[in-house]
Amino acid sequence: MAMLRGGLTAPYTPVVLIGDSGVGKSNLLSRFTRNEFNLESKSTIGVEFATRSIRVDDKTVKAQIWDTAGQERYRAITSAYYRGAVGALLVYDIAKYLTYENAERWLAELQDHADANIVIMLVGNKSDLRHLRAVPTDEARSFAGIPPSPR
């Protein structure tokens, strides 16, 4: 449950998916909430959401996950969903370096609009395309503040 001002809790835990268009945010959402994958999914217009209840520390948590549009023209709409979110998945496509470069801009926008204590996870998506990898794992780990993996 999300903690609200005054110690009250919400019946759901809001999490936002952010990143460039085409990085796979919608498929992450559908895989997590419905165990479905659509190879021909279309770009999100505005914002879509789905929920899933999960067990965390012997409690049931209802995750409400907001899939935001990655296109610039929807930025004013989607950034409104950052406030109140307790978590954010900042998603990039491991095979498209530009989507990783743009992660800095997404992070700055998130920090401008979200609550200060939001938990942010960097997600290198489309691991099935590892043969086309354009973003070195250690570079992404460094951006996320994680030490390089031992060799």
N, C-alpha and C. Protein backbone atom coordinates (compact mmCIF):
# COMPACT_ATOMS: atom_id res chain seq x y z
N MET A 1 0.83 -1.18 0.00
CA MET A 1 0.00 0.00 0.00
C MET A 1 0.87 1.24 0.00
N ALA A 2 0.39 2.24 -0.61
CA ALA A 2 1.12 3.50 -0.66
C ALA A 2 0.82 4.29 0.61
N MET A 3 1.86 4.87 1.18
CA MET A 3 1.69 5.70 2.37
C MET A 3 1.32 7.11 1.93
N LEU A 4 0.25 7.61 2.49
CA LEU A 4 -0.21 8.96 2.18
C LEU A 4 0.09 9.88 3.34
N ARG A 5 -0.09 11.18 3.12
CA ARG A 5 0.12 12.15 4.19
C ARG A 5 -0.77 11.80 5.38
N GLY A 6 -0.28 12.02 6.57
CA GLY A 6 -1.05 11.75 7.77
C GLY A 6 -1.04 10.29 8.18
N GLY A 7 -0.21 9.46 7.53
CA GLY A 7 -0.08 8.07 7.91
C GLY A 7 -1.14 7.16 7.32
N LEU A 8 -2.05 7.68 6.51
CA LEU A 8 -3.06 6.85 5.88
C LEU A 8 -2.43 6.05 4.75
N THR A 9 -3.03 4.93 4.42
CA THR A 9 -2.51 4.13 3.31
C THR A 9 -3.55 4.04 2.21
N ALA A 10 -3.07 3.96 0.98
CA ALA A 10 -3.96 3.81 -0.17
C ALA A 10 -4.15 2.32 -0.43
N PRO A 11 -5.26 1.94 -1.08
CA PRO A 11 -5.51 0.51 -1.34
C PRO A 11 -4.65 -0.04 -2.48
N TYR A 12 -3.76 0.75 -3.02
CA TYR A 12 -2.92 0.32 -4.12
C TYR A 12 -1.55 1.00 -4.01
N THR A 13 -0.59 0.45 -4.73
CA THR A 13 0.76 1.01 -4.78
C THR A 13 1.03 1.45 -6.21
N PRO A 14 1.03 2.77 -6.47
CA PRO A 14 1.22 3.25 -7.84
C PRO A 14 2.69 3.24 -8.28
N VAL A 15 2.92 2.70 -9.47
CA VAL A 15 4.24 2.62 -10.08
C VAL A 15 4.11 3.10 -11.52
N VAL A 16 5.05 3.91 -12.00
CA VAL A 16 5.00 4.39 -13.38
C VAL A 16 6.10 3.74 -14.21
N LEU A 17 5.79 3.47 -15.46
CA LEU A 17 6.76 3.01 -16.44
C LEU A 17 7.07 4.19 -17.34
N ILE A 18 8.35 4.57 -17.43
CA ILE A 18 8.72 5.72 -18.27
C ILE A 18 9.89 5.34 -19.17
N GLY A 19 10.02 6.06 -20.26
CA GLY A 19 11.09 5.84 -21.22
C GLY A 19 10.60 6.16 -22.62
N ASP A 20 11.53 6.12 -23.56
CA ASP A 20 11.21 6.44 -24.95
C ASP A 20 10.14 5.51 -25.51
N SER A 21 9.48 5.97 -26.55
CA SER A 21 8.50 5.16 -27.27
C SER A 21 9.22 3.97 -27.90
N GLY A 22 8.60 2.80 -27.82
CA GLY A 22 9.16 1.62 -28.47
C GLY A 22 10.14 0.82 -27.65
N VAL A 23 10.36 1.18 -26.38
CA VAL A 23 11.34 0.43 -25.57
C VAL A 23 10.73 -0.82 -24.93
N GLY A 24 9.41 -0.97 -25.00
CA GLY A 24 8.77 -2.17 -24.47
C GLY A 24 8.03 -2.00 -23.16
N LYS A 25 7.69 -0.77 -22.81
CA LYS A 25 6.98 -0.53 -21.55
C LYS A 25 5.63 -1.25 -21.51
N SER A 26 4.88 -1.17 -22.60
CA SER A 26 3.55 -1.79 -22.65
C SER A 26 3.65 -3.30 -22.51
N ASN A 27 4.66 -3.91 -23.13
CA ASN A 27 4.81 -5.36 -23.00
C ASN A 27 5.29 -5.76 -21.61
N LEU A 28 6.08 -4.92 -20.96
CA LEU A 28 6.42 -5.21 -19.56
C LEU A 28 5.16 -5.23 -18.71
N LEU A 29 4.29 -4.25 -18.94
CA LEU A 29 3.03 -4.17 -18.20
C LEU A 29 2.15 -5.39 -18.46
N SER A 30 1.96 -5.74 -19.72
CA SER A 30 1.07 -6.86 -20.03
C SER A 30 1.67 -8.20 -19.58
N ARG A 31 2.98 -8.33 -19.63
CA ARG A 31 3.61 -9.57 -19.15
C ARG A 31 3.45 -9.71 -17.63
N PHE A 32 3.66 -8.62 -16.91
CA PHE A 32 3.57 -8.65 -15.45
C PHE A 32 2.13 -8.82 -14.96
N THR A 33 1.18 -8.15 -15.59
CA THR A 33 -0.19 -8.17 -15.08
C THR A 33 -1.05 -9.27 -15.67
N ARG A 34 -0.78 -9.70 -16.91
CA ARG A 34 -1.63 -10.70 -17.57
C ARG A 34 -0.84 -11.89 -18.13
N ASN A 35 0.48 -11.88 -17.95
CA ASN A 35 1.36 -12.90 -18.51
C ASN A 35 1.16 -13.04 -20.03
N GLU A 36 1.03 -11.89 -20.69
CA GLU A 36 0.87 -11.86 -22.15
C GLU A 36 2.00 -11.05 -22.77
N PHE A 37 2.32 -11.39 -24.01
CA PHE A 37 3.30 -10.64 -24.77
C PHE A 37 2.76 -10.47 -26.18
N ASN A 38 2.78 -9.24 -26.69
CA ASN A 38 2.26 -8.96 -28.03
C ASN A 38 3.39 -8.39 -28.87
N LEU A 39 3.86 -9.16 -29.82
CA LEU A 39 4.97 -8.75 -30.67
C LEU A 39 4.62 -7.51 -31.50
N GLU A 40 3.33 -7.29 -31.74
CA GLU A 40 2.90 -6.15 -32.55
C GLU A 40 2.14 -5.11 -31.73
N SER A 41 2.56 -4.87 -30.51
CA SER A 41 1.85 -3.87 -29.69
C SER A 41 2.08 -2.48 -30.28
N LYS A 42 1.09 -1.64 -30.10
CA LYS A 42 1.12 -0.27 -30.62
C LYS A 42 1.61 0.69 -29.55
N SER A 43 2.07 1.86 -29.97
CA SER A 43 2.52 2.89 -29.02
C SER A 43 1.35 3.34 -28.15
N THR A 44 1.65 3.55 -26.88
CA THR A 44 0.64 4.03 -25.94
C THR A 44 0.32 5.49 -26.25
N ILE A 45 -0.96 5.80 -26.20
CA ILE A 45 -1.41 7.18 -26.36
C ILE A 45 -1.85 7.66 -24.99
N GLY A 46 -1.18 8.68 -24.48
CA GLY A 46 -1.50 9.17 -23.13
C GLY A 46 -0.96 8.23 -22.08
N VAL A 47 -1.88 7.64 -21.30
CA VAL A 47 -1.50 6.75 -20.20
C VAL A 47 -2.48 5.59 -20.13
N GLU A 48 -1.97 4.40 -19.88
CA GLU A 48 -2.81 3.23 -19.63
C GLU A 48 -2.34 2.61 -18.33
N PHE A 49 -3.20 1.84 -17.67
CA PHE A 49 -2.75 1.19 -16.44
C PHE A 49 -3.38 -0.18 -16.28
N ALA A 50 -2.75 -0.97 -15.44
CA ALA A 50 -3.26 -2.28 -15.06
C ALA A 50 -2.83 -2.53 -13.62
N THR A 51 -3.48 -3.50 -12.98
CA THR A 51 -3.15 -3.81 -11.59
C THR A 51 -2.84 -5.30 -11.45
N ARG A 52 -2.10 -5.59 -10.39
CA ARG A 52 -1.82 -6.98 -10.03
C ARG A 52 -1.54 -7.02 -8.54
N SER A 53 -2.14 -7.97 -7.87
CA SER A 53 -1.87 -8.16 -6.45
C SER A 53 -0.71 -9.13 -6.28
N ILE A 54 0.23 -8.77 -5.42
CA ILE A 54 1.39 -9.61 -5.15
C ILE A 54 1.62 -9.69 -3.65
N ARG A 55 2.30 -10.73 -3.21
CA ARG A 55 2.63 -10.90 -1.79
C ARG A 55 4.01 -10.33 -1.53
N VAL A 56 4.10 -9.44 -0.53
CA VAL A 56 5.37 -8.85 -0.12
C VAL A 56 5.41 -8.89 1.40
N ASP A 57 6.40 -9.58 1.97
CA ASP A 57 6.54 -9.67 3.42
C ASP A 57 5.23 -10.05 4.10
N ASP A 58 4.60 -11.13 3.63
CA ASP A 58 3.35 -11.64 4.19
C ASP A 58 2.18 -10.68 4.11
N LYS A 59 2.25 -9.71 3.21
CA LYS A 59 1.14 -8.79 2.98
C LYS A 59 0.80 -8.81 1.50
N THR A 60 -0.46 -8.63 1.20
CA THR A 60 -0.87 -8.51 -0.19
C THR A 60 -0.82 -7.04 -0.58
N VAL A 61 -0.09 -6.77 -1.64
CA VAL A 61 0.05 -5.41 -2.15
C VAL A 61 -0.58 -5.37 -3.54
N LYS A 62 -1.44 -4.40 -3.76
CA LYS A 62 -2.05 -4.24 -5.08
C LYS A 62 -1.25 -3.19 -5.84
N ALA A 63 -0.45 -3.66 -6.78
CA ALA A 63 0.37 -2.75 -7.59
C ALA A 63 -0.50 -2.18 -8.71
N GLN A 64 -0.51 -0.87 -8.82
CA GLN A 64 -1.21 -0.20 -9.91
C GLN A 64 -0.12 0.41 -10.78
N ILE A 65 0.05 -0.15 -11.98
CA ILE A 65 1.17 0.22 -12.83
C ILE A 65 0.67 1.07 -13.99
N TRP A 66 1.26 2.25 -14.10
CA TRP A 66 0.88 3.21 -15.13
C TRP A 66 1.89 3.16 -16.27
N ASP A 67 1.41 2.85 -17.46
CA ASP A 67 2.22 2.79 -18.67
C ASP A 67 2.08 4.14 -19.37
N THR A 68 3.15 4.91 -19.39
CA THR A 68 3.09 6.26 -19.96
C THR A 68 3.58 6.27 -21.40
N ALA A 69 3.05 7.19 -22.18
CA ALA A 69 3.47 7.34 -23.58
C ALA A 69 4.89 7.89 -23.62
N GLY A 70 5.68 7.40 -24.55
CA GLY A 70 7.06 7.86 -24.67
C GLY A 70 7.24 9.03 -25.63
N GLN A 71 6.19 9.37 -26.38
CA GLN A 71 6.32 10.46 -27.35
C GLN A 71 6.29 11.82 -26.67
N GLU A 72 7.06 12.72 -27.21
CA GLU A 72 7.20 14.08 -26.67
C GLU A 72 5.85 14.79 -26.55
N ARG A 73 4.95 14.59 -27.49
CA ARG A 73 3.68 15.33 -27.48
C ARG A 73 2.78 14.98 -26.30
N TYR A 74 3.05 13.87 -25.61
CA TYR A 74 2.23 13.48 -24.47
C TYR A 74 2.88 13.81 -23.13
N ARG A 75 4.05 14.46 -23.14
CA ARG A 75 4.81 14.71 -21.93
C ARG A 75 4.01 15.43 -20.84
N ALA A 76 3.24 16.46 -21.21
CA ALA A 76 2.48 17.21 -20.21
C ALA A 76 1.46 16.33 -19.51
N ILE A 77 0.88 15.40 -20.26
CA ILE A 77 -0.11 14.49 -19.68
C ILE A 77 0.58 13.47 -18.78
N THR A 78 1.62 12.83 -19.29
CA THR A 78 2.23 11.72 -18.56
C THR A 78 2.96 12.16 -17.31
N SER A 79 3.58 13.34 -17.33
CA SER A 79 4.33 13.77 -16.15
C SER A 79 3.42 14.01 -14.95
N ALA A 80 2.14 14.25 -15.19
CA ALA A 80 1.19 14.42 -14.09
C ALA A 80 1.03 13.14 -13.28
N TYR A 81 1.33 11.99 -13.87
CA TYR A 81 1.19 10.71 -13.19
C TYR A 81 2.39 10.37 -12.31
N TYR A 82 3.46 11.14 -12.42
CA TYR A 82 4.65 10.87 -11.61
C TYR A 82 4.39 11.18 -10.14
N ARG A 83 3.67 12.26 -9.88
CA ARG A 83 3.40 12.66 -8.50
C ARG A 83 2.49 11.61 -7.85
N GLY A 84 2.87 11.18 -6.69
CA GLY A 84 2.09 10.17 -5.99
C GLY A 84 2.57 8.75 -6.24
N ALA A 85 3.37 8.55 -7.28
CA ALA A 85 3.90 7.21 -7.53
C ALA A 85 4.96 6.89 -6.48
N VAL A 86 4.97 5.66 -6.01
CA VAL A 86 5.99 5.25 -5.04
C VAL A 86 7.19 4.61 -5.73
N GLY A 87 7.00 4.25 -7.00
CA GLY A 87 8.08 3.64 -7.75
C GLY A 87 8.01 4.00 -9.21
N ALA A 88 9.16 3.91 -9.87
CA ALA A 88 9.23 4.17 -11.31
C ALA A 88 10.22 3.20 -11.94
N LEU A 89 9.85 2.64 -13.06
CA LEU A 89 10.76 1.84 -13.86
C LEU A 89 11.14 2.68 -15.06
N LEU A 90 12.40 3.05 -15.13
CA LEU A 90 12.95 3.86 -16.22
C LEU A 90 13.50 2.87 -17.24
N VAL A 91 12.80 2.71 -18.35
CA VAL A 91 13.06 1.63 -19.30
C VAL A 91 13.78 2.15 -20.55
N TYR A 92 14.80 1.40 -20.99
CA TYR A 92 15.46 1.67 -22.26
C TYR A 92 15.61 0.35 -23.01
N ASP A 93 15.85 0.42 -24.29
CA ASP A 93 16.03 -0.73 -25.16
C ASP A 93 17.53 -1.00 -25.27
N ILE A 94 17.99 -2.18 -24.86
CA ILE A 94 19.43 -2.47 -24.86
C ILE A 94 20.03 -2.44 -26.26
N ALA A 95 19.18 -2.56 -27.29
CA ALA A 95 19.68 -2.58 -28.67
C ALA A 95 19.64 -1.20 -29.33
N LYS A 96 19.15 -0.19 -28.63
CA LYS A 96 19.06 1.17 -29.19
C LYS A 96 19.69 2.15 -28.22
N TYR A 97 20.92 2.54 -28.50
CA TYR A 97 21.68 3.39 -27.58
C TYR A 97 20.99 4.72 -27.30
N LEU A 98 20.31 5.28 -28.28
CA LEU A 98 19.64 6.57 -28.07
C LEU A 98 18.61 6.49 -26.95
N THR A 99 17.92 5.37 -26.82
CA THR A 99 16.93 5.24 -25.74
C THR A 99 17.61 5.26 -24.37
N TYR A 100 18.84 4.75 -24.32
CA TYR A 100 19.62 4.79 -23.09
C TYR A 100 20.11 6.22 -22.82
N GLU A 101 20.61 6.90 -23.86
CA GLU A 101 21.04 8.29 -23.70
C GLU A 101 19.90 9.16 -23.18
N ASN A 102 18.69 8.91 -23.66
CA ASN A 102 17.54 9.70 -23.25
C ASN A 102 17.09 9.40 -21.82
N ALA A 103 17.62 8.35 -21.23
CA ALA A 103 17.25 8.01 -19.85
C ALA A 103 17.60 9.13 -18.88
N GLU A 104 18.68 9.86 -19.15
CA GLU A 104 19.03 10.99 -18.28
C GLU A 104 17.95 12.06 -18.27
N ARG A 105 17.40 12.33 -19.45
CA ARG A 105 16.33 13.33 -19.56
C ARG A 105 15.06 12.83 -18.85
N TRP A 106 14.76 11.55 -19.02
CA TRP A 106 13.60 10.98 -18.33
C TRP A 106 13.78 11.06 -16.81
N LEU A 107 14.99 10.75 -16.36
CA LEU A 107 15.27 10.79 -14.93
C LEU A 107 15.11 12.21 -14.39
N ALA A 108 15.63 13.19 -15.10
CA ALA A 108 15.51 14.59 -14.67
C ALA A 108 14.04 15.01 -14.60
N GLU A 109 13.26 14.63 -15.60
CA GLU A 109 11.84 14.96 -15.60
C GLU A 109 11.12 14.30 -14.43
N LEU A 110 11.46 13.04 -14.19
CA LEU A 110 10.86 12.32 -13.07
C LEU A 110 11.19 13.01 -11.75
N GLN A 111 12.45 13.37 -11.57
CA GLN A 111 12.86 14.03 -10.33
C GLN A 111 12.21 15.40 -10.17
N ASP A 112 11.90 16.08 -11.28
CA ASP A 112 11.22 17.37 -11.22
C ASP A 112 9.76 17.25 -10.79
N HIS A 113 9.11 16.14 -11.14
CA HIS A 113 7.66 16.02 -10.93
C HIS A 113 7.25 15.01 -9.87
N ALA A 114 8.12 14.08 -9.53
CA ALA A 114 7.74 13.01 -8.59
C ALA A 114 8.08 13.39 -7.16
N ASP A 115 7.54 12.62 -6.23
CA ASP A 115 7.87 12.80 -4.82
C ASP A 115 9.35 12.48 -4.62
N ALA A 116 9.96 13.15 -3.67
CA ALA A 116 11.41 13.02 -3.45
C ALA A 116 11.82 11.60 -3.06
N ASN A 117 10.93 10.85 -2.43
CA ASN A 117 11.30 9.51 -1.94
C ASN A 117 10.90 8.38 -2.89
N ILE A 118 10.59 8.70 -4.14
CA ILE A 118 10.22 7.66 -5.11
C ILE A 118 11.39 6.71 -5.33
N VAL A 119 11.10 5.42 -5.47
CA VAL A 119 12.11 4.41 -5.75
C VAL A 119 12.19 4.26 -7.27
N ILE A 120 13.40 4.38 -7.81
CA ILE A 120 13.59 4.35 -9.26
C ILE A 120 14.47 3.16 -9.63
N MET A 121 14.00 2.38 -10.61
CA MET A 121 14.77 1.25 -11.12
C MET A 121 15.05 1.46 -12.60
N LEU A 122 16.30 1.28 -13.01
CA LEU A 122 16.68 1.34 -14.41
C LEU A 122 16.50 -0.05 -15.01
N VAL A 123 15.77 -0.14 -16.12
CA VAL A 123 15.48 -1.43 -16.74
C VAL A 123 16.01 -1.45 -18.17
N GLY A 124 17.00 -2.31 -18.41
CA GLY A 124 17.48 -2.56 -19.77
C GLY A 124 16.59 -3.64 -20.36
N ASN A 125 15.72 -3.26 -21.26
CA ASN A 125 14.69 -4.16 -21.78
C ASN A 125 15.11 -4.79 -23.11
N LYS A 126 14.37 -5.81 -23.50
CA LYS A 126 14.57 -6.56 -24.74
C LYS A 126 15.85 -7.40 -24.67
N SER A 127 16.00 -8.11 -23.57
CA SER A 127 17.19 -8.94 -23.38
C SER A 127 17.29 -10.06 -24.41
N ASP A 128 16.19 -10.36 -25.08
CA ASP A 128 16.25 -11.36 -26.15
C ASP A 128 17.05 -10.86 -27.35
N LEU A 129 17.33 -9.57 -27.38
CA LEU A 129 18.13 -8.98 -28.46
C LEU A 129 19.58 -8.76 -28.04
N ARG A 130 20.08 -9.60 -27.14
CA ARG A 130 21.44 -9.40 -26.61
C ARG A 130 22.50 -9.43 -27.72
N HIS A 131 22.22 -10.14 -28.80
CA HIS A 131 23.17 -10.17 -29.94
C HIS A 131 23.23 -8.81 -30.65
N LEU A 132 22.27 -7.93 -30.40
CA LEU A 132 22.25 -6.59 -30.98
C LEU A 132 22.57 -5.51 -29.93
N ARG A 133 23.03 -5.95 -28.77
CA ARG A 133 23.25 -5.02 -27.65
C ARG A 133 24.10 -3.82 -28.07
N ALA A 134 23.56 -2.62 -27.79
CA ALA A 134 24.27 -1.38 -28.10
C ALA A 134 24.66 -0.65 -26.82
N VAL A 135 24.08 -1.06 -25.70
CA VAL A 135 24.37 -0.43 -24.41
C VAL A 135 25.16 -1.42 -23.56
N PRO A 136 26.44 -1.14 -23.31
CA PRO A 136 27.22 -2.05 -22.47
C PRO A 136 26.62 -2.15 -21.06
N THR A 137 26.55 -3.37 -20.56
CA THR A 137 25.96 -3.60 -19.24
C THR A 137 26.65 -2.78 -18.17
N ASP A 138 27.98 -2.75 -18.18
CA ASP A 138 28.70 -2.00 -17.14
C ASP A 138 28.43 -0.50 -17.21
N GLU A 139 28.18 0.02 -18.41
CA GLU A 139 27.83 1.44 -18.54
C GLU A 139 26.48 1.72 -17.88
N ALA A 140 25.52 0.85 -18.12
CA ALA A 140 24.20 1.02 -17.51
C ALA A 140 24.28 0.83 -16.00
N ARG A 141 25.08 -0.12 -15.55
CA ARG A 141 25.25 -0.33 -14.11
C ARG A 141 25.84 0.92 -13.47
N SER A 142 26.79 1.54 -14.13
CA SER A 142 27.40 2.76 -13.62
C SER A 142 26.37 3.88 -13.52
N PHE A 143 25.55 4.05 -14.55
CA PHE A 143 24.50 5.07 -14.54
C PHE A 143 23.53 4.84 -13.38
N ALA A 144 23.26 3.57 -13.10
CA ALA A 144 22.33 3.21 -12.02
C ALA A 144 22.99 3.26 -10.64
N GLY A 145 24.29 3.53 -10.61
CA GLY A 145 24.99 3.59 -9.33
C GLY A 145 25.39 2.24 -8.78
N ILE A 146 25.51 1.25 -9.67
CA ILE A 146 25.88 -0.11 -9.28
C ILE A 146 27.31 -0.36 -9.74
N PRO A 147 28.16 -0.92 -8.89
CA PRO A 147 29.54 -1.20 -9.31
C PRO A 147 29.58 -2.18 -10.48
N PRO A 148 30.63 -2.12 -11.31
CA PRO A 148 30.75 -3.06 -12.43
C PRO A 148 30.74 -4.49 -11.94
N SER A 149 30.24 -5.39 -12.78
CA SER A 149 30.21 -6.80 -12.39
C SER A 149 31.63 -7.36 -12.43
N PRO A 150 31.93 -8.29 -11.51
CA PRO A 150 33.28 -8.90 -11.50
C PRO A 150 33.48 -9.73 -12.76
N ARG A 151 34.68 -9.75 -13.24
CA ARG A 151 34.98 -10.50 -14.48
C ARG A 151 35.57 -11.84 -14.15
